[in-house]
Amino acid sequence: MRRHRFHRALLALLIGLAVSLPSVTDAQVGKSVGVMDANVASEKDLLAVPHLTPALVKQIVEKRPFSSVLELNALLSPTLSKEQLTAVYGKIFVHINLNSASKEEILLIPGVGNRMLHEFEEYRPYKALAQFHREIAKYVKPDELARLEQYVFVPINLNTATDEDILSIPGVGNRMLHEFKEYRPYKGIEQFRREIGKYVNKAEVARMERFVTVN
């Protein structure tokens, strides 16, 4: 009898702790700690990036959205040195999909070499950004993990993503959050294109589509 009472008391204590602890959510686009998304950064912010001349900034604004960081790199590399590009990518970038990014994309992240490239690829497929945290934390300190997280994302499921997940997509605010949720359940990505295309142009739909999936 005492044992049963003890077990019930222990269970109640654990439930109480679970309720009192803050809930843990994992936005699926890495949180910025200084790196801006090149597709949504303002012209003013771009002009403040080292080595970006007004002419380069004009080209960036005219050619975006970029479907990958390789497109941005193709625009900048004829003008900027490798060292200058590294400095630029310490301030702006185009997020890479952890599950599909090429070696070339991953290696454009400042400070990532072949060893870390291997670790990024080792744990595919990533189910959530929390998995990236857990696995890469084996190799780097928390501040470096936070820095690397800025460059990556795991596509969110349009039908189950939390508000935080959706709002983590660069350039998505409360109005677009409402539209994303308005059309659930999504039967396929074509429905997303059709419905969200009512509010933004095709280029913007394509930009946001990179961050989503329908399962």
Protein backbone atom coordinates (compact mmCIF):
# COMPACT_ATOMS: atom_id res chain seq x y z
CA MET A 1 0.00 0.00 0.00
CA ARG A 2 2.80 2.38 0.91
CA ARG A 3 4.57 1.47 -2.31
CA HIS A 4 1.47 2.40 -4.31
CA ARG A 5 1.18 5.68 -2.48
CA PHE A 6 4.86 6.39 -3.17
CA HIS A 7 4.44 5.64 -6.86
CA ARG A 8 1.36 7.87 -7.07
CA ALA A 9 3.18 10.67 -5.28
CA LEU A 10 6.20 10.30 -7.55
CA LEU A 11 3.99 10.35 -10.63
CA ALA A 12 2.22 13.48 -9.40
CA LEU A 13 5.56 15.15 -8.75
CA LEU A 14 6.82 14.33 -12.26
CA ILE A 15 3.61 15.59 -13.85
CA GLY A 16 3.87 18.78 -11.80
CA LEU A 17 7.44 19.33 -12.94
CA ALA A 18 6.47 18.75 -16.57
CA VAL A 19 3.71 21.31 -16.31
CA SER A 20 5.89 23.88 -14.58
CA LEU A 21 8.80 23.60 -17.00
CA PRO A 22 8.70 25.88 -20.03
CA SER A 23 7.65 24.10 -23.20
CA VAL A 24 10.42 23.46 -25.71
CA THR A 25 9.71 24.29 -29.32
CA ASP A 26 12.06 24.07 -32.23
CA ALA A 27 11.68 26.56 -35.04
CA GLN A 28 12.92 24.83 -38.15
CA VAL A 29 14.87 27.74 -39.62
CA GLY A 30 17.98 28.55 -37.64
CA LYS A 31 17.76 31.63 -35.44
CA SER A 32 19.90 34.55 -36.57
CA VAL A 33 22.57 35.86 -34.25
CA GLY A 34 23.89 38.31 -36.81
CA VAL A 35 23.55 36.72 -40.25
CA MET A 36 20.76 38.15 -42.43
CA ASP A 37 18.85 36.29 -45.11
CA ALA A 38 20.08 37.75 -48.40
CA ASN A 39 16.63 37.41 -49.94
CA VAL A 40 14.83 39.63 -47.44
CA ALA A 41 17.52 41.93 -46.02
CA SER A 42 16.79 45.61 -46.68
CA GLU A 43 18.91 47.58 -49.11
CA LYS A 44 20.12 49.71 -46.21
CA ASP A 45 21.29 46.63 -44.31
CA LEU A 46 22.99 45.22 -47.40
CA LEU A 47 24.91 48.46 -47.90
CA ALA A 48 26.32 48.06 -44.39
CA VAL A 49 27.84 44.65 -45.21
CA PRO A 50 31.63 44.80 -45.70
CA HIS A 51 32.76 44.68 -49.37
CA LEU A 52 29.25 45.13 -50.79
CA THR A 53 29.42 48.19 -53.00
CA PRO A 54 26.27 50.06 -54.05
CA ALA A 55 26.60 48.42 -57.47
CA LEU A 56 26.71 44.92 -55.95
CA VAL A 57 23.82 45.69 -53.64
CA LYS A 58 21.78 46.87 -56.62
CA GLN A 59 22.50 43.59 -58.43
CA ILE A 60 21.54 41.55 -55.36
CA VAL A 61 18.22 43.36 -55.01
CA GLU A 62 17.45 43.06 -58.72
CA LYS A 63 18.28 39.34 -58.98
CA ARG A 64 16.69 38.04 -55.81
CA PRO A 65 15.15 35.87 -54.66
CA PHE A 66 18.07 33.46 -54.97
CA SER A 67 17.07 29.81 -54.99
CA SER A 68 20.35 28.86 -53.34
CA VAL A 69 23.49 30.40 -51.94
CA LEU A 70 25.27 29.12 -55.05
CA GLU A 71 23.34 31.67 -57.11
CA LEU A 72 24.38 34.45 -54.74
CA ASN A 73 27.95 33.21 -54.86
CA ALA A 74 27.90 33.18 -58.68
CA LEU A 75 26.89 36.83 -58.60
CA LEU A 76 29.52 37.94 -56.10
CA SER A 77 32.53 35.72 -56.83
CA PRO A 78 33.63 37.47 -60.05
CA THR A 79 34.07 40.68 -58.05
CA LEU A 80 35.06 39.59 -54.55
CA SER A 81 38.03 37.54 -53.33
CA LYS A 82 37.60 34.37 -51.30
CA GLU A 83 38.47 36.27 -48.13
CA GLN A 84 35.97 39.00 -48.95
CA LEU A 85 33.26 36.44 -49.68
CA THR A 86 33.88 34.82 -46.30
CA ALA A 87 33.40 38.20 -44.65
CA VAL A 88 30.20 38.82 -46.63
CA TYR A 89 28.80 35.40 -45.72
CA GLY A 90 29.44 36.22 -42.10
CA LYS A 91 26.73 38.85 -42.53
CA ILE A 92 24.36 37.59 -45.24
CA PHE A 93 23.54 34.15 -46.62
CA VAL A 94 20.84 32.06 -48.28
CA HIS A 95 19.78 29.31 -45.85
CA ILE A 96 20.66 25.78 -46.88
CA ASN A 97 18.40 22.75 -46.57
CA LEU A 98 20.16 20.34 -44.20
CA ASN A 99 18.74 17.36 -46.06
CA SER A 100 19.50 18.33 -49.64
CA ALA A 101 22.27 20.96 -49.65
CA SER A 102 25.22 20.11 -51.87
CA LYS A 103 28.78 19.94 -50.60
CA GLU A 104 29.47 23.23 -52.37
CA GLU A 105 26.64 24.97 -50.50
CA ILE A 106 27.71 23.67 -47.10
CA LEU A 107 31.33 24.66 -47.65
CA LEU A 108 30.29 28.25 -48.31
CA ILE A 109 29.34 28.57 -44.64
CA PRO A 110 32.23 30.50 -43.05
CA GLY A 111 34.46 28.25 -40.96
CA VAL A 112 33.07 24.99 -42.32
CA GLY A 113 35.68 22.68 -43.76
CA ASN A 114 35.70 19.07 -44.86
CA ARG A 115 35.50 17.70 -41.32
CA MET A 116 32.35 19.63 -40.43
CA LEU A 117 30.95 18.97 -43.91
CA HIS A 118 31.17 15.28 -43.07
CA GLU A 119 29.30 15.79 -39.81
CA PHE A 120 26.55 17.80 -41.50
CA GLU A 121 26.00 14.97 -44.00
CA GLU A 122 26.51 12.14 -41.52
CA TYR A 123 23.18 12.62 -39.76
CA ARG A 124 20.88 12.95 -42.75
CA PRO A 125 17.94 12.88 -42.97
CA TYR A 126 17.26 15.48 -40.31
CA LYS A 127 13.73 15.23 -38.89
CA ALA A 128 13.96 18.54 -37.04
CA LEU A 129 16.41 21.28 -36.20
CA ALA A 130 16.64 19.81 -32.70
CA GLN A 131 18.42 16.81 -34.24
CA PHE A 132 21.00 19.15 -35.76
CA HIS A 133 21.52 20.71 -32.31
CA ARG A 134 21.95 17.33 -30.67
CA GLU A 135 24.36 15.86 -33.21
CA ILE A 136 26.54 18.86 -34.02
CA ALA A 137 26.80 19.74 -30.32
CA LYS A 138 29.03 16.66 -30.03
CA TYR A 139 31.73 18.54 -31.96
CA VAL A 140 31.42 22.25 -31.17
CA LYS A 141 30.70 24.55 -28.25
CA PRO A 142 27.27 26.20 -27.78
CA ASP A 143 28.31 29.55 -29.24
CA GLU A 144 29.67 27.88 -32.39
CA LEU A 145 26.55 25.74 -32.65
CA ALA A 146 24.41 28.89 -32.51
CA ARG A 147 26.58 30.45 -35.23
CA LEU A 148 26.25 27.45 -37.52
CA GLU A 149 22.51 27.18 -36.94
CA GLN A 150 21.96 30.57 -38.61
CA TYR A 151 22.82 29.08 -41.99
CA VAL A 152 20.54 26.06 -42.05
CA PHE A 153 16.95 24.86 -41.99
CA VAL A 154 14.86 21.71 -41.98
CA PRO A 155 11.69 22.02 -44.12
CA ILE A 156 8.53 22.41 -42.07
CA ASN A 157 5.43 20.29 -42.60
CA LEU A 158 2.70 22.70 -43.75
CA ASN A 159 0.00 20.64 -42.06
CA THR A 160 1.57 20.25 -38.63
CA ALA A 161 4.07 23.10 -38.22
CA THR A 162 3.69 25.26 -35.13
CA ASP A 163 3.30 29.02 -35.32
CA GLU A 164 6.92 29.33 -34.22
CA ASP A 165 8.04 27.03 -37.02
CA ILE A 166 6.21 29.08 -39.64
CA LEU A 167 7.34 32.42 -38.26
CA SER A 168 10.95 31.25 -38.38
CA ILE A 169 10.80 31.44 -42.20
CA PRO A 170 12.56 34.69 -43.17
CA GLY A 171 10.11 37.37 -44.20
CA VAL A 172 7.02 35.60 -42.84
CA GLY A 173 4.99 37.61 -40.36
CA ASN A 174 1.63 37.22 -38.66
CA ARG A 175 -0.39 38.00 -41.79
CA MET A 176 1.29 35.29 -43.83
CA LEU A 177 1.19 32.94 -40.84
CA HIS A 178 -2.59 33.23 -40.99
CA GLU A 179 -2.62 32.44 -44.71
CA PHE A 180 -0.34 29.42 -44.28
CA LYS A 181 -2.75 27.95 -41.72
CA GLU A 182 -5.94 29.05 -43.47
CA TYR A 183 -5.69 26.38 -46.16
CA ARG A 184 -4.88 23.33 -44.04
CA PRO A 185 -4.86 20.50 -44.72
CA TYR A 186 -2.68 20.82 -47.79
CA LYS A 187 -3.00 17.95 -50.23
CA GLY A 188 0.23 18.81 -52.02
CA ILE A 189 2.72 21.55 -52.79
CA GLU A 190 0.67 22.67 -55.80
CA GLN A 191 -2.10 23.71 -53.43
CA PHE A 192 0.40 25.79 -51.45
CA ARG A 193 1.51 27.53 -54.65
CA ARG A 194 -2.05 28.20 -55.71
CA GLU A 195 -3.34 29.52 -52.39
CA ILE A 196 -0.32 31.56 -51.30
CA GLY A 197 -0.02 32.84 -54.86
CA LYS A 198 -3.17 34.86 -54.14
CA TYR A 199 -1.14 37.10 -51.86
CA VAL A 200 2.40 37.25 -53.28
CA ASN A 201 4.03 36.89 -56.68
CA LYS A 202 5.46 33.65 -58.06
CA ALA A 203 9.03 34.53 -57.11
CA GLU A 204 8.03 35.06 -53.49
CA VAL A 205 6.01 31.85 -53.44
CA ALA A 206 9.07 29.99 -54.74
CA ARG A 207 11.26 31.63 -52.09
CA MET A 208 8.99 30.49 -49.26
CA GLU A 209 8.42 27.08 -50.84
CA ARG A 210 12.07 26.19 -50.19
CA PHE A 211 11.26 26.06 -46.47
CA VAL A 212 8.15 23.88 -46.58
CA THR A 213 6.99 20.38 -47.38
CA VAL A 214 3.69 18.50 -47.39
CA ASN A 215 3.64 15.08 -45.74
